[in-house]
Amino acid sequence: MKAQDVRQMTEDQIGDEVARLKKEQFNLRFQRATGQLSNTSRVRQVRRDIARLMTIGAQKRSTKKG
């Protein structure tokens, strides 16, 4: 997910996407613990996408207030 794509999303869409990625992150952690995870790089990618979404969401909220 690119930052440019995230900036075009509304705050509600960002929140929905964060929730979806957090569920995926939970499932990936579970798969890793049970030894079923085949794509280990996806864990890092999901974690970074969540951080990117939350950062841009916070920027949108701060510019909206002031």
N, C-alpha and C. Protein backbone atom coordinates (compact mmCIF):
# COMPACT_ATOMS: atom_id res chain seq x y z
N MET A 1 0.85 -1.17 0.00
CA MET A 1 0.00 0.00 0.00
C MET A 1 0.89 1.24 0.00
N LYS A 2 0.58 2.15 -0.87
CA LYS A 2 1.39 3.35 -1.00
C LYS A 2 0.75 4.50 -0.23
N ALA A 3 1.59 5.41 0.24
CA ALA A 3 1.11 6.55 1.02
C ALA A 3 0.16 7.41 0.19
N GLN A 4 0.41 7.52 -1.08
CA GLN A 4 -0.44 8.32 -1.95
C GLN A 4 -1.86 7.74 -2.00
N ASP A 5 -1.96 6.42 -2.02
CA ASP A 5 -3.27 5.77 -2.02
C ASP A 5 -4.01 6.02 -0.71
N VAL A 6 -3.27 6.00 0.39
CA VAL A 6 -3.86 6.21 1.71
C VAL A 6 -4.36 7.64 1.84
N ARG A 7 -3.63 8.59 1.32
CA ARG A 7 -4.03 10.00 1.42
C ARG A 7 -5.34 10.29 0.69
N GLN A 8 -5.68 9.47 -0.29
CA GLN A 8 -6.92 9.64 -1.02
C GLN A 8 -8.11 9.04 -0.30
N MET A 9 -7.87 8.24 0.73
CA MET A 9 -8.94 7.61 1.49
C MET A 9 -9.56 8.60 2.48
N THR A 10 -10.82 8.33 2.85
CA THR A 10 -11.45 9.12 3.90
C THR A 10 -11.01 8.55 5.25
N GLU A 11 -11.31 9.28 6.32
CA GLU A 11 -10.93 8.80 7.65
C GLU A 11 -11.63 7.49 7.99
N ASP A 12 -12.88 7.34 7.57
CA ASP A 12 -13.61 6.09 7.82
C ASP A 12 -12.98 4.92 7.07
N GLN A 13 -12.57 5.16 5.84
CA GLN A 13 -11.92 4.10 5.07
C GLN A 13 -10.60 3.69 5.70
N ILE A 14 -9.87 4.67 6.20
CA ILE A 14 -8.60 4.38 6.87
C ILE A 14 -8.85 3.52 8.11
N GLY A 15 -9.85 3.89 8.89
CA GLY A 15 -10.18 3.11 10.08
C GLY A 15 -10.58 1.69 9.75
N ASP A 16 -11.36 1.51 8.70
CA ASP A 16 -11.77 0.17 8.27
C ASP A 16 -10.57 -0.65 7.82
N GLU A 17 -9.67 -0.01 7.09
CA GLU A 17 -8.49 -0.71 6.59
C GLU A 17 -7.56 -1.10 7.74
N VAL A 18 -7.41 -0.23 8.74
CA VAL A 18 -6.60 -0.56 9.92
C VAL A 18 -7.19 -1.77 10.63
N ALA A 19 -8.50 -1.78 10.80
CA ALA A 19 -9.15 -2.92 11.46
C ALA A 19 -8.93 -4.21 10.68
N ARG A 20 -9.05 -4.13 9.37
CA ARG A 20 -8.84 -5.32 8.54
C ARG A 20 -7.41 -5.84 8.65
N LEU A 21 -6.46 -4.89 8.63
CA LEU A 21 -5.05 -5.30 8.71
C LEU A 21 -4.69 -5.84 10.10
N LYS A 22 -5.32 -5.32 11.14
CA LYS A 22 -5.05 -5.84 12.48
C LYS A 22 -5.56 -7.27 12.61
N LYS A 23 -6.70 -7.58 11.99
CA LYS A 23 -7.18 -8.97 11.98
C LYS A 23 -6.21 -9.86 11.23
N GLU A 24 -5.73 -9.36 10.09
CA GLU A 24 -4.77 -10.14 9.32
C GLU A 24 -3.49 -10.35 10.11
N GLN A 25 -3.04 -9.32 10.82
CA GLN A 25 -1.84 -9.42 11.63
C GLN A 25 -2.01 -10.49 12.72
N PHE A 26 -3.17 -10.51 13.35
CA PHE A 26 -3.45 -11.52 14.36
C PHE A 26 -3.37 -12.92 13.76
N ASN A 27 -4.01 -13.09 12.60
CA ASN A 27 -3.98 -14.40 11.94
C ASN A 27 -2.57 -14.81 11.54
N LEU A 28 -1.78 -13.85 11.08
CA LEU A 28 -0.40 -14.17 10.69
C LEU A 28 0.43 -14.57 11.91
N ARG A 29 0.23 -13.88 13.02
CA ARG A 29 0.95 -14.25 14.25
C ARG A 29 0.56 -15.65 14.70
N PHE A 30 -0.70 -15.97 14.58
CA PHE A 30 -1.18 -17.30 14.95
C PHE A 30 -0.57 -18.35 14.04
N GLN A 31 -0.53 -18.08 12.75
CA GLN A 31 0.06 -19.03 11.80
C GLN A 31 1.55 -19.22 12.07
N ARG A 32 2.24 -18.14 12.42
CA ARG A 32 3.67 -18.25 12.71
C ARG A 32 3.90 -19.10 13.95
N ALA A 33 3.05 -18.93 14.96
CA ALA A 33 3.21 -19.68 16.20
C ALA A 33 2.96 -21.17 15.99
N THR A 34 2.06 -21.51 15.08
CA THR A 34 1.75 -22.92 14.83
C THR A 34 2.60 -23.52 13.71
N GLY A 35 3.48 -22.71 13.12
CA GLY A 35 4.37 -23.22 12.08
C GLY A 35 3.72 -23.34 10.72
N GLN A 36 2.61 -22.66 10.49
CA GLN A 36 1.91 -22.76 9.22
C GLN A 36 2.17 -21.57 8.30
N LEU A 37 2.95 -20.61 8.73
CA LEU A 37 3.17 -19.39 7.94
C LEU A 37 4.18 -19.66 6.83
N SER A 38 3.76 -19.43 5.60
CA SER A 38 4.67 -19.66 4.47
C SER A 38 5.32 -18.37 4.00
N ASN A 39 4.60 -17.24 4.06
CA ASN A 39 5.12 -15.97 3.57
C ASN A 39 5.46 -15.09 4.79
N THR A 40 6.68 -15.24 5.30
CA THR A 40 7.05 -14.53 6.51
C THR A 40 7.21 -13.02 6.30
N SER A 41 7.46 -12.60 5.08
CA SER A 41 7.63 -11.16 4.82
C SER A 41 6.31 -10.41 4.94
N ARG A 42 5.20 -11.12 4.87
CA ARG A 42 3.88 -10.47 4.96
C ARG A 42 3.67 -9.87 6.35
N VAL A 43 4.25 -10.46 7.39
CA VAL A 43 4.12 -9.94 8.76
C VAL A 43 4.69 -8.53 8.82
N ARG A 44 5.86 -8.35 8.28
CA ARG A 44 6.51 -7.03 8.28
C ARG A 44 5.73 -6.03 7.42
N GLN A 45 5.25 -6.49 6.28
CA GLN A 45 4.51 -5.62 5.37
C GLN A 45 3.21 -5.14 6.01
N VAL A 46 2.50 -6.02 6.69
CA VAL A 46 1.25 -5.64 7.35
C VAL A 46 1.53 -4.65 8.48
N ARG A 47 2.57 -4.90 9.25
CA ARG A 47 2.91 -4.00 10.36
C ARG A 47 3.23 -2.60 9.84
N ARG A 48 3.94 -2.51 8.76
CA ARG A 48 4.28 -1.21 8.18
C ARG A 48 3.07 -0.52 7.57
N ASP A 49 2.18 -1.30 6.96
CA ASP A 49 0.95 -0.72 6.41
C ASP A 49 0.07 -0.13 7.51
N ILE A 50 -0.02 -0.84 8.64
CA ILE A 50 -0.80 -0.32 9.77
C ILE A 50 -0.20 0.99 10.25
N ALA A 51 1.10 1.03 10.39
CA ALA A 51 1.77 2.26 10.85
C ALA A 51 1.55 3.40 9.86
N ARG A 52 1.63 3.10 8.58
CA ARG A 52 1.43 4.12 7.55
C ARG A 52 0.01 4.67 7.62
N LEU A 53 -0.96 3.78 7.75
CA LEU A 53 -2.36 4.21 7.83
C LEU A 53 -2.61 5.06 9.07
N MET A 54 -2.06 4.64 10.19
CA MET A 54 -2.29 5.38 11.43
C MET A 54 -1.61 6.75 11.40
N THR A 55 -0.44 6.82 10.79
CA THR A 55 0.27 8.09 10.69
C THR A 55 -0.49 9.08 9.82
N ILE A 56 -0.91 8.63 8.67
CA ILE A 56 -1.63 9.53 7.76
C ILE A 56 -3.00 9.87 8.33
N GLY A 57 -3.63 8.93 9.02
CA GLY A 57 -4.90 9.23 9.68
C GLY A 57 -4.74 10.30 10.74
N ALA A 58 -3.66 10.25 11.50
CA ALA A 58 -3.40 11.27 12.52
C ALA A 58 -3.12 12.62 11.87
N GLN A 59 -2.42 12.62 10.76
CA GLN A 59 -2.16 13.87 10.05
C GLN A 59 -3.46 14.49 9.55
N LYS A 60 -4.35 13.65 9.04
CA LYS A 60 -5.63 14.16 8.56
C LYS A 60 -6.45 14.76 9.70
N ARG A 61 -6.43 14.10 10.85
CA ARG A 61 -7.19 14.62 11.99
C ARG A 61 -6.60 15.91 12.52
N SER A 62 -5.27 16.04 12.51
CA SER A 62 -4.65 17.26 13.02
C SER A 62 -4.87 18.44 12.09
N THR A 63 -4.87 18.21 10.80
CA THR A 63 -5.12 19.32 9.87
C THR A 63 -6.59 19.71 9.85
N LYS A 64 -7.43 18.76 10.18
CA LYS A 64 -8.88 19.03 10.22
C LYS A 64 -9.23 19.93 11.41
N LYS A 65 -8.52 19.77 12.54
CA LYS A 65 -8.80 20.55 13.74
C LYS A 65 -8.32 21.98 13.61
N GLY A 66 -7.16 22.16 13.05
CA GLY A 66 -6.57 23.49 13.07
C GLY A 66 -6.39 24.03 11.74
